[in-house]
Amino acid sequence: MTEIETTPFGFLTYAESYGRAAFLLVRAIDEGARMGWSAPVATLALHCIELSLKSVLVKDGMAPSELRQEYGHNIKKLFAATPLDWSDVDTNAIDFNDDALGPVPRYRRQDRPYNILHKERLFPLMETVFHRCLRYIDQEARRTLRP
């Protein structure tokens, strides 16, 4: 693991990369690229959310190895562990995202609705989480997920 991979900004840099990749993939699809199902878009966006939340915990002193052991990919637990106010975030979306990312994000549960996977619902959540975590890490930092 490199030094940047153990810092709050390292986690945010990776989060930003996954978030931007989600936007770029959607742009390519909108411009005619063929894609049978949007699972890769959702996986990129969910990973952006996960890494953003982890950046906050790293800033607060948690080691990356502890993050993996304690939280894995459990987004709901990560939201609860951060000291940030998430009261404006749809908890049903959090529950679904936790299930969607799970141990293997490419598989989906048959008993859940999948409208959160659509960019109209997932991208605003991704941007909210990313920017709130970014402000927590550094109030002066200016980054965007949109290419």
C-alpha atoms as a PDB file:
ATOM      1  CA  MET A   1       0.000   0.000   0.000  1.00  0.00           C
ATOM      2  CA  THR A   2       1.458   3.383  -0.973  1.00  0.00           C
ATOM      3  CA  GLU A   3       1.493   6.379   1.348  1.00  0.00           C
ATOM      4  CA  ILE A   4      -1.324   8.156  -0.517  1.00  0.00           C
ATOM      5  CA  GLU A   5      -3.530   5.088  -0.064  1.00  0.00           C
ATOM      6  CA  THR A   6      -3.359   5.550   3.703  1.00  0.00           C
ATOM      7  CA  THR A   7      -4.326   9.247   3.868  1.00  0.00           C
ATOM      8  CA  PRO A   8      -7.757  10.903   3.903  1.00  0.00           C
ATOM      9  CA  PHE A   9      -6.951  12.678   0.625  1.00  0.00           C
ATOM     10  CA  GLY A  10      -5.773   9.387  -0.852  1.00  0.00           C
ATOM     11  CA  PHE A  11      -9.146   7.838  -0.140  1.00  0.00           C
ATOM     12  CA  LEU A  12     -10.899  10.916  -1.557  1.00  0.00           C
ATOM     13  CA  THR A  13      -8.726  10.848  -4.677  1.00  0.00           C
ATOM     14  CA  TYR A  14      -9.790   7.264  -5.315  1.00  0.00           C
ATOM     15  CA  ALA A  15     -13.413   8.169  -4.513  1.00  0.00           C
ATOM     16  CA  GLU A  16     -13.236  11.060  -6.967  1.00  0.00           C
ATOM     17  CA  SER A  17     -11.833   8.750  -9.648  1.00  0.00           C
ATOM     18  CA  TYR A  18     -14.672   6.254  -9.238  1.00  0.00           C
ATOM     19  CA  GLY A  19     -17.283   9.022  -9.177  1.00  0.00           C
ATOM     20  CA  ARG A  20     -15.898  10.666 -12.308  1.00  0.00           C
ATOM     21  CA  ALA A  21     -15.729   7.288 -14.023  1.00  0.00           C
ATOM     22  CA  ALA A  22     -19.440   6.794 -13.289  1.00  0.00           C
ATOM     23  CA  PHE A  23     -20.236  10.150 -14.928  1.00  0.00           C
ATOM     24  CA  LEU A  24     -17.996   9.376 -17.904  1.00  0.00           C
ATOM     25  CA  LEU A  25     -19.589   5.973 -18.430  1.00  0.00           C
ATOM     26  CA  VAL A  26     -23.085   7.476 -18.332  1.00  0.00           C
ATOM     27  CA  ARG A  27     -22.002  10.115 -20.843  1.00  0.00           C
ATOM     28  CA  ALA A  28     -20.700   7.403 -23.164  1.00  0.00           C
ATOM     29  CA  ILE A  29     -23.971   5.483 -22.838  1.00  0.00           C
ATOM     30  CA  ASP A  30     -25.970   8.661 -23.502  1.00  0.00           C
ATOM     31  CA  GLU A  31     -23.856   9.175 -26.636  1.00  0.00           C
ATOM     32  CA  GLY A  32     -24.650   5.709 -27.952  1.00  0.00           C
ATOM     33  CA  ALA A  33     -22.279   3.273 -26.277  1.00  0.00           C
ATOM     34  CA  ARG A  34     -24.072  -0.028 -25.809  1.00  0.00           C
ATOM     35  CA  MET A  35     -24.577  -1.328 -22.291  1.00  0.00           C
ATOM     36  CA  GLY A  36     -27.114  -3.987 -21.375  1.00  0.00           C
ATOM     37  CA  TRP A  37     -27.531  -3.041 -17.721  1.00  0.00           C
ATOM     38  CA  SER A  38     -26.279  -0.156 -15.606  1.00  0.00           C
ATOM     39  CA  ALA A  39     -24.629  -2.286 -12.914  1.00  0.00           C
ATOM     40  CA  PRO A  40     -21.114  -0.981 -13.687  1.00  0.00           C
ATOM     41  CA  VAL A  41     -22.332   2.621 -13.290  1.00  0.00           C
ATOM     42  CA  ALA A  42     -23.905   1.817  -9.931  1.00  0.00           C
ATOM     43  CA  THR A  43     -20.846  -0.104  -8.761  1.00  0.00           C
ATOM     44  CA  LEU A  44     -18.586   2.857  -9.581  1.00  0.00           C
ATOM     45  CA  ALA A  45     -20.914   5.278  -7.796  1.00  0.00           C
ATOM     46  CA  LEU A  46     -21.297   3.048  -4.739  1.00  0.00           C
ATOM     47  CA  HIS A  47     -17.537   2.614  -4.485  1.00  0.00           C
ATOM     48  CA  CYS A  48     -17.169   6.406  -4.599  1.00  0.00           C
ATOM     49  CA  ILE A  49     -19.564   6.639  -1.652  1.00  0.00           C
ATOM     50  CA  GLU A  50     -17.746   3.926   0.283  1.00  0.00           C
ATOM     51  CA  LEU A  51     -14.294   5.489  -0.195  1.00  0.00           C
ATOM     52  CA  SER A  52     -15.599   8.967   0.666  1.00  0.00           C
ATOM     53  CA  LEU A  53     -16.987   7.700   3.964  1.00  0.00           C
ATOM     54  CA  LYS A  54     -13.771   5.840   4.697  1.00  0.00           C
ATOM     55  CA  SER A  55     -11.763   9.042   4.129  1.00  0.00           C
ATOM     56  CA  VAL A  56     -13.532  10.601   7.116  1.00  0.00           C
ATOM     57  CA  LEU A  57     -12.671   7.669   9.351  1.00  0.00           C
ATOM     58  CA  VAL A  58      -9.041   7.765   8.201  1.00  0.00           C
ATOM     59  CA  LYS A  59      -8.917  11.479   9.041  1.00  0.00           C
ATOM     60  CA  ASP A  60     -10.203  10.611  12.499  1.00  0.00           C
ATOM     61  CA  GLY A  61      -7.309   8.181  12.984  1.00  0.00           C
ATOM     62  CA  MET A  62      -8.519   4.794  11.797  1.00  0.00           C
ATOM     63  CA  ALA A  63      -5.966   2.733   9.880  1.00  0.00           C
ATOM     64  CA  PRO A  64      -6.969   1.346   6.460  1.00  0.00           C
ATOM     65  CA  SER A  65      -6.440  -2.198   7.735  1.00  0.00           C
ATOM     66  CA  GLU A  66      -8.883  -1.501  10.582  1.00  0.00           C
ATOM     67  CA  LEU A  67     -11.404  -0.122   8.078  1.00  0.00           C
ATOM     68  CA  ARG A  68     -11.302  -3.302   6.039  1.00  0.00           C
ATOM     69  CA  GLN A  69     -11.636  -5.501   9.095  1.00  0.00           C
ATOM     70  CA  GLU A  70     -14.330  -3.444  10.861  1.00  0.00           C
ATOM     71  CA  TYR A  71     -16.477  -2.279   7.937  1.00  0.00           C
ATOM     72  CA  GLY A  72     -15.533  -4.087   4.737  1.00  0.00           C
ATOM     73  CA  HIS A  73     -18.022  -2.746   2.175  1.00  0.00           C
ATOM     74  CA  ASN A  74     -20.842  -2.138   4.652  1.00  0.00           C
ATOM     75  CA  ILE A  75     -22.033   1.305   3.611  1.00  0.00           C
ATOM     76  CA  LYS A  76     -24.721   1.538   6.289  1.00  0.00           C
ATOM     77  CA  LYS A  77     -22.151   0.885   9.032  1.00  0.00           C
ATOM     78  CA  LEU A  78     -19.803   3.434   7.437  1.00  0.00           C
ATOM     79  CA  PHE A  79     -22.515   6.112   7.422  1.00  0.00           C
ATOM     80  CA  ALA A  80     -23.229   5.396  11.100  1.00  0.00           C
ATOM     81  CA  ALA A  81     -19.527   5.483  12.041  1.00  0.00           C
ATOM     82  CA  THR A  82     -18.782   8.912  10.596  1.00  0.00           C
ATOM     83  CA  PRO A  83     -19.330  11.954  12.816  1.00  0.00           C
ATOM     84  CA  LEU A  84     -21.213  13.733  10.003  1.00  0.00           C
ATOM     85  CA  ASP A  85     -24.932  14.496   9.955  1.00  0.00           C
ATOM     86  CA  TRP A  86     -26.668  12.257   7.408  1.00  0.00           C
ATOM     87  CA  SER A  87     -30.228  12.996   8.545  1.00  0.00           C
ATOM     88  CA  ASP A  88     -31.062  14.428   5.117  1.00  0.00           C
ATOM     89  CA  VAL A  89     -30.031  11.198   3.339  1.00  0.00           C
ATOM     90  CA  ASP A  90     -32.731   8.654   2.474  1.00  0.00           C
ATOM     91  CA  THR A  91     -32.153   5.713   4.812  1.00  0.00           C
ATOM     92  CA  ASN A  92     -33.942   3.361   2.417  1.00  0.00           C
ATOM     93  CA  ALA A  93     -31.293   4.262  -0.145  1.00  0.00           C
ATOM     94  CA  ILE A  94     -28.589   3.537   2.429  1.00  0.00           C
ATOM     95  CA  ASP A  95     -30.091   0.118   3.161  1.00  0.00           C
ATOM     96  CA  PHE A  96     -30.279  -0.692  -0.521  1.00  0.00           C
ATOM     97  CA  ASN A  97     -26.781   0.565  -1.255  1.00  0.00           C
ATOM     98  CA  ASP A  98     -25.409  -1.585   1.525  1.00  0.00           C
ATOM     99  CA  ASP A  99     -27.106  -4.630   0.001  1.00  0.00           C
ATOM    100  CA  ALA A 100     -26.045  -3.664  -3.513  1.00  0.00           C
ATOM    101  CA  LEU A 101     -22.373  -3.234  -2.692  1.00  0.00           C
ATOM    102  CA  GLY A 102     -22.236  -6.210  -0.345  1.00  0.00           C
ATOM    103  CA  PRO A 103     -19.352  -8.627  -0.692  1.00  0.00           C
ATOM    104  CA  VAL A 104     -19.828  -8.971  -4.462  1.00  0.00           C
ATOM    105  CA  PRO A 105     -21.392  -5.852  -6.041  1.00  0.00           C
ATOM    106  CA  ARG A 106     -22.167  -7.362  -9.416  1.00  0.00           C
ATOM    107  CA  TYR A 107     -24.862  -9.597  -7.944  1.00  0.00           C
ATOM    108  CA  ARG A 108     -28.221  -8.240  -6.923  1.00  0.00           C
ATOM    109  CA  ARG A 109     -30.898  -9.431  -4.569  1.00  0.00           C
ATOM    110  CA  GLN A 110     -34.093 -10.567  -6.205  1.00  0.00           C
ATOM    111  CA  ASP A 111     -36.331  -9.151  -3.453  1.00  0.00           C
ATOM    112  CA  ARG A 112     -35.269  -5.477  -3.723  1.00  0.00           C
ATOM    113  CA  PRO A 113     -36.378  -2.686  -6.048  1.00  0.00           C
ATOM    114  CA  TYR A 114     -33.554  -1.295  -8.162  1.00  0.00           C
ATOM    115  CA  ASN A 115     -34.604   2.280  -8.887  1.00  0.00           C
ATOM    116  CA  ILE A 116     -31.699   3.549  -6.754  1.00  0.00           C
ATOM    117  CA  LEU A 117     -29.386   2.179  -9.440  1.00  0.00           C
ATOM    118  CA  HIS A 118     -30.615   4.825 -11.848  1.00  0.00           C
ATOM    119  CA  LYS A 119     -28.369   7.847 -12.147  1.00  0.00           C
ATOM    120  CA  GLU A 120     -31.226  10.211 -11.250  1.00  0.00           C
ATOM    121  CA  ARG A 121     -31.257   8.822  -7.698  1.00  0.00           C
ATOM    122  CA  LEU A 122     -27.757   7.492  -7.207  1.00  0.00           C
ATOM    123  CA  PHE A 123     -25.700  10.402  -8.563  1.00  0.00           C
ATOM    124  CA  PRO A 124     -27.171  13.060  -6.229  1.00  0.00           C
ATOM    125  CA  LEU A 125     -26.512  10.748  -3.286  1.00  0.00           C
ATOM    126  CA  MET A 126     -22.956  10.117  -4.492  1.00  0.00           C
ATOM    127  CA  GLU A 127     -22.258  13.833  -4.907  1.00  0.00           C
ATOM    128  CA  THR A 128     -23.761  14.706  -1.518  1.00  0.00           C
ATOM    129  CA  VAL A 129     -21.626  12.133   0.255  1.00  0.00           C
ATOM    130  CA  PHE A 130     -18.453  13.018  -1.639  1.00  0.00           C
ATOM    131  CA  HIS A 131     -18.738  16.771  -1.074  1.00  0.00           C
ATOM    132  CA  ARG A 132     -19.732  16.489   2.578  1.00  0.00           C
ATOM    133  CA  CYS A 133     -16.771  14.208   3.247  1.00  0.00           C
ATOM    134  CA  LEU A 134     -14.477  16.517   1.263  1.00  0.00           C
ATOM    135  CA  ARG A 135     -15.547  19.498   3.379  1.00  0.00           C
ATOM    136  CA  TYR A 136     -14.868  17.478   6.517  1.00  0.00           C
ATOM    137  CA  ILE A 137     -11.366  16.618   5.320  1.00  0.00           C
ATOM    138  CA  ASP A 138     -10.548  20.154   4.143  1.00  0.00           C
ATOM    139  CA  GLN A 139     -13.030  23.033   4.025  1.00  0.00           C
ATOM    140  CA  GLU A 140     -10.918  24.825   1.421  1.00  0.00           C
ATOM    141  CA  ALA A 141     -10.629  21.918  -1.018  1.00  0.00           C
ATOM    142  CA  ARG A 142     -12.465  22.283  -4.328  1.00  0.00           C
ATOM    143  CA  ARG A 143     -13.086  19.130  -6.330  1.00  0.00           C
ATOM    144  CA  THR A 144     -15.875  17.907  -8.508  1.00  0.00           C
ATOM    145  CA  LEU A 145     -17.040  14.525  -9.672  1.00  0.00           C
ATOM    146  CA  ARG A 146     -18.419  15.916 -12.914  1.00  0.00           C
ATOM    147  CA  PRO A 147     -15.953  15.761 -15.806  1.00  0.00           C
END
